[in-house]
Amino acid sequence: MDNQTLQILIAMVVYMAAVIVIGVVFAKKANQNSENYFLGGRSLGPWVTAMSAEASDMSGWLLMGLPGVAYWCGLADAAWTAIGLAIGTYFNWLIVSKRLRRYSVVANNSITLPEFFSNRFREKSKIVMTLAALFILIFFTVYAASCFVTCGKLFSTLFGTPYIAMMIVGAVFVLLYTILGGFLAESASDFMQSIVMIVALVVIVVMGTVKAGGIAEVAENSAKIPGFLEFFGIANPAINEAGEQIVEAGKPVFDAASSYGVLRICSMLAWGLGYFGMPQVLLRFMAIRREDELKRSRRIAMIWVVISLAVAVFIGIVGRVVYPTVHLTATASENIFITISTSLLPPLLAGFVMAGILAATISSSDSYLLIAASAFAKNIFQGVVKRNATDKQVMIITRITLLVIALIAIVIALDEDSVIFSIVSFAWAGFGATFGPLMIFSLFWKRINRAGAIAGMVGGAGMVFLWKLVISGLGGVFAIYELLPAFIFSSICIVVVSLLTKAPSSEILEDFEASKHKTEI
């Protein structure tokens, strides 16, 4: 290991040590009971709520996946996705946050998402709870796999070590940390990691722009690539038989640009719909200590999101100008953030910037693992299998579930050629279509009933799989991102089935009316 690599490693070890300290500090309180472990006792302040929500949401794809898309095919895909995410973030905080905070208290002080949906409909057979928990297990396992892929790519690229070994090392670290501290440690470290992430993004985009000769040079050189800087066109890298971009005279070759129509724009903007069903974000709404602090949290979250997304996209553009032939496949292009960092920064500083990727990965994967484990332990084990289970038993099952989920995610992440952005997009669509419409209708439509909720979840999740695996292969209009048709189909299922079946009971309607008024605990 040379001196440069050693300095990078030292910086990252220092960062990981800080994360572990946070876990130790919060471990005692987190392990007092399951409510503290899963929801932090509803004690989060506005800054931690906002920053941890966004850090847990963005994950490693913000620093690797999104810049990689911009590097590979230009502005359009990355920019329209970022715009959709920013819009979705705003409306989720504006519309959902306060109502969910109130309703989760009214609904028997629910501390997990499946529990909220179950209590919302006052069900006794727990079908809604079980289905919600199972879908969370499925999609969060896929999500966790994307984070492990990020860890593997990061460490193998930095240290020249085998991908699989490094991916497993990263997974073990995240697993141990999540077991240790629970929701409070996760939220506190996410707050710190959100700061590291945005600082890392800004530092890299500034250094890259300086290396390229300034913004004018970046614009001039990237504009020479057909469709690269267009909002209504997209660049097409010319690919050889080996699946790599062709390079001639030291320059990457691009075919003619493709048009970027309204349908594809809508497809990318549809990413914003996913926020209404994201458990890791929705739980922060439920966990904030006071409802009146959500307005401040919304402002903080929006500033962070807009800056982070814009900078991440621009890093990909700058990277293509500065290092045009370094990454010749879509998979490799996701390493452009690492390339700029290690090439332009002093080793020690590069190590702390690399910690930004690790921060993004940890802040997301610990959320995914914890929420998935709570879905099984709290909602299926205690809610269905053994209703008289003690808190201690729930905590034991949680840790066992964490291990099983991590092992499955590791298996999914074994493929070194996995594209982070693609993995995330599928899981994002799954959550958005399964829980997004259900959340909106549950909060704002009193006529929705249990049957409609079940139909919406099953219909949304089923359509994500059907559209992704079958229908999208037809091409043309059917190539749209699966979240949009699945979200629409789920909404239709909820409305039609609810209207065709028995109306909610008077007790459920009373809860609905109570949720309109400010409630604190």
Protein backbone atom coordinates (compact mmCIF):
# COMPACT_ATOMS: atom_id res chain seq x y z
CA MET A 1 0.00 0.00 0.00
CA ASP A 2 1.57 3.32 -1.08
CA ASN A 3 1.59 6.52 0.98
CA GLN A 4 -1.33 8.08 -0.88
CA THR A 5 -3.57 5.07 -0.37
CA LEU A 6 -2.54 4.87 3.28
CA GLN A 7 -3.56 8.49 3.90
CA ILE A 8 -6.93 7.90 2.26
CA LEU A 9 -7.45 4.83 4.40
CA ILE A 10 -6.53 6.72 7.59
CA ALA A 11 -9.06 9.46 6.84
CA MET A 12 -11.81 6.93 6.20
CA VAL A 13 -10.98 4.97 9.35
CA VAL A 14 -11.21 8.18 11.39
CA TYR A 15 -14.62 8.82 9.89
CA MET A 16 -15.88 5.30 10.57
CA ALA A 17 -14.63 5.57 14.15
CA ALA A 18 -16.73 8.72 14.60
CA VAL A 19 -19.79 6.87 13.33
CA ILE A 20 -19.18 4.01 15.76
CA VAL A 21 -18.83 6.47 18.66
CA ILE A 22 -22.26 7.88 17.82
CA GLY A 23 -23.67 4.35 17.87
CA VAL A 24 -22.15 3.68 21.29
CA VAL A 25 -23.44 6.98 22.71
CA PHE A 26 -27.01 6.25 21.69
CA ALA A 27 -26.95 2.49 22.25
CA LYS A 28 -28.13 2.61 25.89
CA LYS A 29 -31.19 4.77 25.20
CA ALA A 30 -31.98 2.97 21.94
CA ASN A 31 -32.07 -0.42 23.61
CA GLN A 32 -34.37 0.60 26.48
CA ASN A 33 -37.43 -0.47 24.51
CA SER A 34 -38.61 -1.11 20.95
CA GLU A 35 -40.18 2.34 20.55
CA ASN A 36 -36.84 4.01 21.24
CA TYR A 37 -35.05 1.53 18.99
CA PHE A 38 -37.44 1.88 16.04
CA LEU A 39 -38.60 5.52 16.32
CA GLY A 40 -36.34 7.24 18.84
CA GLY A 41 -39.22 8.02 21.20
CA ARG A 42 -40.45 10.78 18.84
CA SER A 43 -37.63 13.01 20.03
CA LEU A 44 -35.97 14.29 16.83
CA GLY A 45 -35.39 18.02 16.41
CA PRO A 46 -36.04 19.87 13.14
CA TRP A 47 -32.43 19.85 11.91
CA VAL A 48 -31.86 16.17 12.58
CA THR A 49 -35.28 15.31 11.13
CA ALA A 50 -34.60 17.16 7.89
CA MET A 51 -30.98 16.22 7.34
CA SER A 52 -31.32 12.58 8.38
CA ALA A 53 -34.41 12.15 6.19
CA GLU A 54 -32.60 13.38 3.11
CA ALA A 55 -29.30 11.61 3.85
CA SER A 56 -31.06 8.29 4.41
CA ASP A 57 -33.03 8.83 1.22
CA MET A 58 -30.26 9.81 -1.17
CA SER A 59 -27.75 7.00 -0.45
CA GLY A 60 -24.64 6.26 -2.49
CA TRP A 61 -26.44 6.82 -5.75
CA LEU A 62 -26.30 10.60 -5.13
CA LEU A 63 -22.50 10.58 -5.23
CA MET A 64 -21.99 7.71 -7.66
CA GLY A 65 -25.19 6.78 -9.51
CA LEU A 66 -26.45 10.25 -10.50
CA PRO A 67 -23.05 11.67 -11.55
CA GLY A 68 -22.51 8.42 -13.46
CA VAL A 69 -25.70 8.92 -15.48
CA ALA A 70 -24.68 12.51 -16.32
CA TYR A 71 -21.16 11.38 -17.27
CA TRP A 72 -22.42 8.59 -19.52
CA CYS A 73 -25.24 10.18 -21.49
CA GLY A 74 -25.37 13.85 -20.57
CA LEU A 75 -27.70 16.26 -18.87
CA ALA A 76 -31.23 15.15 -19.74
CA ASP A 77 -31.76 11.91 -17.79
CA ALA A 78 -29.91 13.12 -14.69
CA ALA A 79 -31.40 16.62 -14.68
CA TRP A 80 -35.04 15.62 -15.19
CA THR A 81 -34.65 12.96 -12.50
CA ALA A 82 -33.20 15.56 -10.13
CA ILE A 83 -36.02 17.99 -10.89
CA GLY A 84 -38.62 15.30 -10.22
CA LEU A 85 -36.95 14.40 -6.93
CA ALA A 86 -36.80 18.03 -5.80
CA ILE A 87 -40.50 18.55 -6.57
CA GLY A 88 -41.44 15.30 -4.84
CA THR A 89 -39.39 16.23 -1.78
CA TYR A 90 -41.15 19.58 -1.44
CA PHE A 91 -44.69 18.26 -1.74
CA ASN A 92 -44.00 15.32 0.56
CA TRP A 93 -42.87 17.68 3.33
CA LEU A 94 -45.64 20.16 2.56
CA ILE A 95 -48.60 17.79 2.26
CA VAL A 96 -47.79 14.55 4.06
CA SER A 97 -45.51 15.38 7.00
CA LYS A 98 -47.88 17.17 9.43
CA ARG A 99 -50.87 14.95 8.73
CA LEU A 100 -48.84 11.78 9.16
CA ARG A 101 -47.30 13.05 12.41
CA ARG A 102 -50.82 13.63 13.78
CA TYR A 103 -52.43 10.51 12.37
CA SER A 104 -49.67 8.17 13.59
CA VAL A 105 -50.39 9.37 17.14
CA VAL A 106 -54.17 9.07 16.70
CA ALA A 107 -53.73 5.57 15.23
CA ASN A 108 -52.75 4.06 18.57
CA ASN A 109 -49.33 5.76 18.61
CA SER A 110 -48.00 3.75 15.66
CA ILE A 111 -44.20 3.50 15.47
CA THR A 112 -43.74 1.67 12.14
CA LEU A 113 -45.33 2.20 8.74
CA PRO A 114 -47.10 -1.20 8.57
CA GLU A 115 -48.42 -0.60 12.08
CA PHE A 116 -49.77 2.80 11.06
CA PHE A 117 -51.64 1.38 8.06
CA SER A 118 -53.03 -1.46 10.18
CA ASN A 119 -54.15 0.84 13.00
CA ARG A 120 -55.52 3.34 10.48
CA PHE A 121 -58.08 0.74 9.40
CA ARG A 122 -58.47 -0.77 12.88
CA GLU A 123 -57.95 -4.25 11.47
CA LYS A 124 -57.94 -7.35 13.64
CA SER A 125 -56.63 -9.95 11.20
CA LYS A 126 -53.52 -7.84 10.43
CA ILE A 127 -53.56 -8.53 6.68
CA VAL A 128 -52.64 -4.93 5.80
CA MET A 129 -49.82 -4.99 8.36
CA THR A 130 -48.45 -8.30 7.08
CA LEU A 131 -48.56 -7.29 3.42
CA ALA A 132 -46.94 -3.93 4.13
CA ALA A 133 -44.20 -5.59 6.16
CA LEU A 134 -43.52 -8.18 3.44
CA PHE A 135 -43.25 -5.53 0.72
CA ILE A 136 -40.89 -3.53 2.91
CA LEU A 137 -38.74 -6.62 3.39
CA ILE A 138 -38.62 -7.28 -0.37
CA PHE A 139 -37.84 -3.78 -1.59
CA PHE A 140 -35.51 -2.78 1.24
CA THR A 141 -33.45 -5.92 0.69
CA VAL A 142 -32.95 -4.76 -2.90
CA TYR A 143 -32.18 -1.25 -1.65
CA ALA A 144 -29.61 -2.55 0.84
CA ALA A 145 -28.00 -4.50 -2.00
CA SER A 146 -27.49 -1.24 -3.93
CA CYS A 147 -25.69 0.21 -0.91
CA PHE A 148 -23.44 -2.82 -0.63
CA VAL A 149 -22.61 -2.49 -4.34
CA THR A 150 -21.58 1.09 -3.62
CA CYS A 151 -19.29 -0.05 -0.79
CA GLY A 152 -17.74 -2.71 -2.98
CA LYS A 153 -17.08 -0.34 -5.88
CA LEU A 154 -15.69 2.34 -3.58
CA PHE A 155 -13.20 0.15 -1.73
CA SER A 156 -12.15 -1.95 -4.71
CA THR A 157 -11.52 1.18 -6.81
CA LEU A 158 -9.59 2.96 -4.05
CA PHE A 159 -7.45 0.10 -2.81
CA GLY A 160 -7.24 -2.19 -5.83
CA THR A 161 -8.76 -5.06 -3.89
CA PRO A 162 -11.34 -7.65 -5.03
CA TYR A 163 -14.85 -6.24 -5.31
CA ILE A 164 -16.64 -9.08 -3.50
CA ALA A 165 -14.35 -9.01 -0.47
CA MET A 166 -14.70 -5.23 -0.11
CA MET A 167 -18.46 -5.37 -0.59
CA ILE A 168 -18.76 -7.90 2.24
CA VAL A 169 -16.52 -5.83 4.53
CA GLY A 170 -18.74 -2.78 3.95
CA ALA A 171 -21.88 -4.82 4.58
CA VAL A 172 -20.55 -6.19 7.86
CA PHE A 173 -19.66 -2.72 9.10
CA VAL A 174 -23.12 -1.36 8.31
CA LEU A 175 -24.79 -4.39 9.91
CA LEU A 176 -22.84 -4.11 13.16
CA TYR A 177 -23.50 -0.39 13.39
CA THR A 178 -27.25 -0.80 12.83
CA ILE A 179 -27.51 -3.55 15.45
CA LEU A 180 -25.68 -1.37 17.94
CA GLY A 181 -27.54 1.92 17.93
CA GLY A 182 -30.99 1.72 16.34
CA PHE A 183 -33.01 4.69 15.08
CA LEU A 184 -31.51 7.39 17.33
CA ALA A 185 -27.93 6.53 16.41
CA GLU A 186 -28.95 6.20 12.79
CA SER A 187 -30.63 9.63 12.75
CA ALA A 188 -27.79 11.36 14.62
CA SER A 189 -25.12 9.88 12.35
CA ASP A 190 -27.26 10.64 9.30
CA PHE A 191 -27.25 14.29 10.36
CA MET A 192 -23.45 14.27 10.46
CA GLN A 193 -23.26 12.30 7.23
CA SER A 194 -25.58 14.70 5.40
CA ILE A 195 -23.08 17.47 6.17
CA VAL A 196 -20.17 15.32 4.96
CA MET A 197 -22.07 14.46 1.78
CA ILE A 198 -22.86 18.03 0.76
CA VAL A 199 -19.36 19.27 1.63
CA ALA A 200 -17.86 16.44 -0.43
CA LEU A 201 -20.08 17.27 -3.40
CA VAL A 202 -19.25 20.99 -3.33
CA VAL A 203 -15.50 20.41 -2.92
CA ILE A 204 -15.37 17.99 -5.85
CA VAL A 205 -17.42 20.13 -8.22
CA VAL A 206 -15.23 23.16 -7.45
CA MET A 207 -11.99 21.24 -7.94
CA GLY A 208 -13.25 19.60 -11.11
CA THR A 209 -14.41 22.89 -12.58
CA VAL A 210 -11.05 24.52 -11.82
CA LYS A 211 -9.25 21.58 -13.45
CA ALA A 212 -11.44 21.93 -16.54
CA GLY A 213 -10.56 25.64 -16.87
CA GLY A 214 -13.78 27.13 -15.52
CA ILE A 215 -17.50 26.87 -16.16
CA ALA A 216 -17.20 28.38 -19.63
CA GLU A 217 -14.73 25.70 -20.67
CA VAL A 218 -16.94 22.96 -19.25
CA ALA A 219 -19.93 24.27 -21.20
CA GLU A 220 -17.95 24.74 -24.42
CA ASN A 221 -16.34 21.30 -24.40
CA SER A 222 -19.35 19.31 -23.29
CA ALA A 223 -21.53 21.10 -25.88
CA LYS A 224 -19.37 19.51 -28.59
CA ILE A 225 -20.86 16.13 -27.70
CA PRO A 226 -24.15 15.62 -29.60
CA GLY A 227 -27.08 15.93 -27.18
CA PHE A 228 -24.88 16.05 -24.08
CA LEU A 229 -26.01 19.43 -22.72
CA GLU A 230 -29.60 19.30 -23.97
CA PHE A 231 -32.76 19.01 -21.90
CA PHE A 232 -34.66 17.63 -24.90
CA GLY A 233 -31.95 15.41 -26.36
CA ILE A 234 -29.63 12.72 -25.03
CA ALA A 235 -26.11 11.64 -25.92
CA ASN A 236 -25.44 8.12 -27.24
CA PRO A 237 -21.97 6.70 -26.55
CA ALA A 238 -20.76 4.55 -29.48
CA ILE A 239 -20.23 1.01 -28.16
CA ASN A 240 -17.93 -1.70 -29.55
CA GLU A 241 -18.48 -5.46 -29.45
CA ALA A 242 -16.89 -5.68 -26.00
CA GLY A 243 -19.54 -3.32 -24.62
CA GLU A 244 -17.13 -0.41 -24.17
CA GLN A 245 -17.30 3.08 -25.60
CA ILE A 246 -15.16 3.53 -28.70
CA VAL A 247 -12.17 5.88 -28.38
CA GLU A 248 -10.52 7.44 -31.43
CA ALA A 249 -7.53 9.80 -31.34
CA GLY A 250 -7.83 9.97 -27.57
CA LYS A 251 -11.46 11.13 -27.66
CA PRO A 252 -14.65 9.20 -26.88
CA VAL A 253 -16.93 8.57 -29.84
CA PHE A 254 -20.64 9.38 -29.70
CA ASP A 255 -23.37 8.48 -32.18
CA ALA A 256 -26.02 11.01 -33.18
CA ALA A 257 -28.11 12.33 -30.31
CA SER A 258 -31.54 10.88 -29.65
CA SER A 259 -34.62 12.99 -29.09
CA TYR A 260 -35.93 13.39 -25.56
CA GLY A 261 -39.70 13.63 -25.76
CA VAL A 262 -42.48 14.50 -23.35
CA LEU A 263 -43.06 10.86 -22.42
CA ARG A 264 -39.47 10.37 -21.29
CA ILE A 265 -39.54 13.64 -19.38
CA CYS A 266 -42.67 12.49 -17.56
CA SER A 267 -40.93 9.19 -16.89
CA MET A 268 -38.01 10.92 -15.17
CA LEU A 269 -40.19 13.42 -13.32
CA ALA A 270 -42.15 10.45 -11.98
CA TRP A 271 -39.24 9.79 -9.62
CA GLY A 272 -40.80 12.48 -7.44
CA LEU A 273 -43.88 10.32 -6.85
CA GLY A 274 -41.71 7.83 -5.01
CA TYR A 275 -41.31 10.09 -2.00
CA PHE A 276 -44.90 9.57 -0.87
CA GLY A 277 -44.10 5.90 -0.21
CA MET A 278 -40.53 6.04 1.15
CA PRO A 279 -40.55 4.51 4.67
CA GLN A 280 -37.17 6.01 5.62
CA VAL A 281 -38.51 9.53 4.99
CA LEU A 282 -42.02 8.97 6.33
CA LEU A 283 -40.65 7.64 9.61
CA ARG A 284 -38.84 10.94 10.18
CA PHE A 285 -42.19 12.73 9.90
CA MET A 286 -43.53 10.42 12.59
CA ALA A 287 -40.44 10.80 14.80
CA ILE A 288 -40.13 14.58 15.06
CA ARG A 289 -40.76 15.82 18.60
CA ARG A 290 -43.27 18.55 17.67
CA GLU A 291 -45.48 19.06 14.66
CA ASP A 292 -44.83 22.80 14.48
CA GLU A 293 -41.13 22.13 13.79
CA LEU A 294 -41.88 20.44 10.47
CA LYS A 295 -42.05 23.76 8.59
CA ARG A 296 -38.46 24.55 9.53
CA SER A 297 -37.44 20.99 8.66
CA ARG A 298 -39.02 21.37 5.21
CA ARG A 299 -36.96 24.47 4.47
CA ILE A 300 -33.74 22.84 5.64
CA ALA A 301 -34.46 19.69 3.64
CA MET A 302 -35.22 21.61 0.43
CA ILE A 303 -32.02 23.65 0.58
CA TRP A 304 -29.98 20.49 1.09
CA VAL A 305 -31.76 18.56 -1.66
CA VAL A 306 -31.57 21.26 -4.34
CA ILE A 307 -27.88 21.95 -3.75
CA SER A 308 -26.94 18.28 -3.55
CA LEU A 309 -28.84 17.18 -6.65
CA ALA A 310 -27.65 20.09 -8.78
CA VAL A 311 -24.02 19.59 -7.79
CA ALA A 312 -24.18 15.82 -8.30
CA VAL A 313 -25.43 16.27 -11.88
CA PHE A 314 -22.79 18.91 -12.61
CA ILE A 315 -20.02 16.62 -11.33
CA GLY A 316 -20.92 14.13 -14.06
CA ILE A 317 -20.77 16.86 -16.71
CA VAL A 318 -17.44 18.17 -15.42
CA GLY A 319 -16.05 14.65 -15.18
CA ARG A 320 -16.75 13.97 -18.85
CA VAL A 321 -14.76 17.09 -19.79
CA VAL A 322 -11.81 16.45 -17.47
CA TYR A 323 -11.58 12.66 -17.82
CA PRO A 324 -13.36 11.88 -21.13
CA THR A 325 -11.95 8.38 -21.69
CA VAL A 326 -11.33 7.05 -18.18
CA HIS A 327 -14.68 5.28 -17.82
CA LEU A 328 -15.89 3.44 -20.90
CA THR A 329 -18.99 1.60 -19.65
CA ALA A 330 -22.15 2.71 -17.88
CA THR A 331 -21.10 0.70 -14.83
CA ALA A 332 -17.60 2.20 -14.70
CA SER A 333 -18.95 5.73 -15.18
CA GLU A 334 -20.37 5.56 -11.66
CA ASN A 335 -16.79 5.87 -10.39
CA ILE A 336 -16.30 9.39 -11.78
CA PHE A 337 -16.71 10.97 -8.33
CA ILE A 338 -13.91 8.74 -7.01
CA THR A 339 -11.71 9.51 -10.00
CA ILE A 340 -11.99 13.28 -9.55
CA SER A 341 -11.46 13.04 -5.80
CA THR A 342 -8.35 10.88 -5.87
CA SER A 343 -6.82 12.69 -8.83
CA LEU A 344 -7.27 16.32 -7.78
CA LEU A 345 -7.20 16.35 -3.98
CA PRO A 346 -4.38 15.75 -1.47
CA PRO A 347 -4.65 12.15 -0.23
CA LEU A 348 -5.83 12.96 3.28
CA LEU A 349 -8.52 15.33 2.02
CA ALA A 350 -9.48 12.83 -0.66
CA GLY A 351 -9.98 10.28 2.09
CA PHE A 352 -12.46 12.52 3.88
CA VAL A 353 -14.24 13.20 0.59
CA MET A 354 -14.39 9.45 -0.02
CA ALA A 355 -15.96 9.26 3.41
CA GLY A 356 -18.79 11.23 1.79
CA ILE A 357 -19.62 8.20 -0.33
CA LEU A 358 -19.32 5.98 2.70
CA ALA A 359 -21.53 8.45 4.58
CA ALA A 360 -24.19 8.29 1.90
CA THR A 361 -24.07 4.51 1.87
CA ILE A 362 -24.19 4.06 5.63
CA SER A 363 -26.92 6.66 6.12
CA SER A 364 -29.15 4.79 3.72
CA SER A 365 -28.32 1.15 4.34
CA ASP A 366 -28.72 1.42 8.11
CA SER A 367 -32.16 2.93 7.54
CA TYR A 368 -33.11 0.21 5.08
CA LEU A 369 -31.92 -2.62 7.32
CA LEU A 370 -33.55 -1.18 10.44
CA ILE A 371 -36.92 -0.52 8.81
CA ALA A 372 -36.96 -3.92 7.12
CA ALA A 373 -36.06 -5.68 10.37
CA SER A 374 -38.70 -3.75 12.30
CA ALA A 375 -41.28 -4.69 9.67
CA PHE A 376 -40.70 -8.35 10.42
CA ALA A 377 -39.98 -8.28 14.15
CA LYS A 378 -42.54 -5.71 15.23
CA ASN A 379 -45.25 -6.18 12.65
CA ILE A 380 -45.13 -9.85 11.66
CA PHE A 381 -43.55 -11.57 14.68
CA GLN A 382 -45.20 -9.51 17.42
CA GLY A 383 -48.18 -8.33 15.39
CA VAL A 384 -49.22 -11.67 13.93
CA VAL A 385 -47.15 -14.69 15.01
CA LYS A 386 -46.73 -14.04 18.75
CA ARG A 387 -48.84 -11.13 19.91
CA ASN A 388 -47.76 -11.46 23.53
CA ALA A 389 -44.06 -11.25 22.62
CA THR A 390 -42.00 -9.16 25.03
CA ASP A 391 -39.86 -6.20 24.02
CA LYS A 392 -36.77 -8.30 24.65
CA GLN A 393 -38.00 -11.00 22.29
CA VAL A 394 -38.79 -8.40 19.63
CA MET A 395 -35.28 -6.97 19.91
CA ILE A 396 -33.74 -10.45 19.54
CA ILE A 397 -35.84 -11.22 16.46
CA THR A 398 -34.91 -7.80 15.06
CA ARG A 399 -31.21 -8.59 15.21
CA ILE A 400 -31.70 -12.03 13.67
CA THR A 401 -33.75 -10.45 10.88
CA LEU A 402 -31.06 -7.84 10.29
CA LEU A 403 -28.54 -10.61 9.73
CA VAL A 404 -30.77 -12.54 7.32
CA ILE A 405 -31.64 -9.45 5.27
CA ALA A 406 -27.99 -8.44 5.08
CA LEU A 407 -27.01 -11.91 3.85
CA ILE A 408 -29.65 -11.86 1.11
CA ALA A 409 -28.60 -8.33 0.09
CA ILE A 410 -24.98 -9.48 -0.10
CA VAL A 411 -25.99 -12.28 -2.48
CA ILE A 412 -27.85 -9.79 -4.70
CA ALA A 413 -24.80 -7.48 -4.65
CA LEU A 414 -22.32 -10.17 -5.74
CA ASP A 415 -22.53 -9.01 -9.38
CA GLU A 416 -19.70 -6.51 -9.84
CA ASP A 417 -21.30 -5.18 -13.03
CA SER A 418 -24.44 -4.04 -11.22
CA VAL A 419 -25.43 -0.45 -12.04
CA ILE A 420 -26.33 1.33 -8.80
CA PHE A 421 -28.78 3.67 -10.49
CA SER A 422 -30.73 0.77 -12.01
CA ILE A 423 -31.00 -1.14 -8.73
CA VAL A 424 -32.18 1.95 -6.89
CA SER A 425 -34.71 2.86 -9.57
CA PHE A 426 -36.47 -0.51 -9.22
CA ALA A 427 -36.66 -0.41 -5.42
CA TRP A 428 -37.74 3.24 -5.56
CA ALA A 429 -40.57 2.35 -7.93
CA GLY A 430 -41.57 -0.52 -5.66
CA PHE A 431 -41.97 1.67 -2.61
CA GLY A 432 -43.49 4.58 -4.49
CA ALA A 433 -46.22 2.48 -6.12
CA THR A 434 -46.88 0.17 -3.16
CA PHE A 435 -47.16 2.79 -0.41
CA GLY A 436 -47.37 6.20 -2.11
CA PRO A 437 -51.02 6.15 -3.23
CA LEU A 438 -52.03 4.30 -0.05
CA MET A 439 -50.38 6.96 2.12
CA ILE A 440 -52.03 9.86 0.30
CA PHE A 441 -55.49 8.29 0.30
CA SER A 442 -55.13 7.14 3.92
CA LEU A 443 -54.34 10.67 5.07
CA PHE A 444 -56.80 12.63 2.96
CA TRP A 445 -59.71 10.41 1.78
CA LYS A 446 -62.02 9.18 4.49
CA ARG A 447 -63.84 6.74 2.20
CA ILE A 448 -60.80 4.49 1.70
CA ASN A 449 -61.25 1.16 3.45
CA ARG A 450 -59.20 -1.89 4.30
CA ALA A 451 -60.08 -3.71 1.08
CA GLY A 452 -59.03 -0.70 -0.97
CA ALA A 453 -55.73 -0.52 0.95
CA ILE A 454 -54.97 -4.17 0.23
CA ALA A 455 -55.88 -3.78 -3.44
CA GLY A 456 -53.71 -0.66 -3.75
CA MET A 457 -50.62 -2.30 -2.25
CA VAL A 458 -50.91 -5.53 -4.20
CA GLY A 459 -51.84 -3.75 -7.43
CA GLY A 460 -49.02 -1.22 -7.16
CA ALA A 461 -46.32 -3.74 -6.29
CA GLY A 462 -47.54 -6.23 -8.87
CA MET A 463 -47.59 -3.62 -11.63
CA VAL A 464 -44.00 -2.59 -10.84
CA PHE A 465 -42.82 -6.15 -11.46
CA LEU A 466 -45.08 -6.68 -14.48
CA TRP A 467 -44.11 -3.40 -16.15
CA LYS A 468 -40.40 -3.77 -15.43
CA LEU A 469 -40.05 -7.42 -16.45
CA VAL A 470 -42.61 -7.72 -19.25
CA ILE A 471 -44.34 -4.61 -20.57
CA SER A 472 -41.36 -2.24 -20.77
CA GLY A 473 -39.65 -4.72 -23.10
CA LEU A 474 -42.21 -3.83 -25.78
CA GLY A 475 -40.44 -0.48 -26.17
CA GLY A 476 -41.91 2.78 -27.44
CA VAL A 477 -44.53 4.25 -25.14
CA PHE A 478 -44.20 1.20 -22.88
CA ALA A 479 -40.55 1.98 -22.06
CA ILE A 480 -41.68 4.56 -19.50
CA TYR A 481 -40.35 4.25 -15.93
CA GLU A 482 -42.46 1.64 -14.14
CA LEU A 483 -43.24 3.89 -11.18
CA LEU A 484 -45.62 6.11 -13.17
CA PRO A 485 -48.03 3.43 -14.51
CA ALA A 486 -47.81 1.46 -11.27
CA PHE A 487 -48.62 4.55 -9.16
CA ILE A 488 -51.64 5.30 -11.35
CA PHE A 489 -52.82 1.69 -11.30
CA SER A 490 -52.49 1.50 -7.50
CA SER A 491 -54.57 4.68 -7.14
CA ILE A 492 -57.29 3.27 -9.40
CA CYS A 493 -57.35 0.02 -7.40
CA ILE A 494 -57.76 1.92 -4.14
CA VAL A 495 -60.63 4.08 -5.38
CA VAL A 496 -62.55 1.38 -7.27
CA VAL A 497 -62.30 -1.34 -4.60
CA SER A 498 -63.07 1.08 -1.75
CA LEU A 499 -66.22 2.32 -3.49
CA LEU A 500 -67.37 -1.20 -4.32
CA THR A 501 -66.95 -2.51 -0.77
CA LYS A 502 -68.25 -1.63 2.67
CA ALA A 503 -67.70 1.93 3.92
CA PRO A 504 -65.35 2.50 6.91
CA SER A 505 -66.80 2.17 10.41
CA SER A 506 -67.75 5.16 12.53
CA GLU A 507 -64.65 4.58 14.72
CA ILE A 508 -62.36 4.82 11.70
CA LEU A 509 -64.10 8.00 10.56
CA GLU A 510 -63.70 9.49 14.03
CA ASP A 511 -59.96 8.79 13.88
CA PHE A 512 -59.84 10.43 10.46
CA GLU A 513 -61.51 13.58 11.77
CA ALA A 514 -59.24 13.62 14.84
CA SER A 515 -56.17 13.52 12.59
CA LYS A 516 -57.13 16.90 11.15
CA HIS A 517 -56.38 18.59 14.44
CA LYS A 518 -53.00 19.11 16.03
CA THR A 519 -52.06 16.28 18.37
CA GLU A 520 -48.94 15.98 20.53
CA ILE A 521 -47.61 13.30 22.87
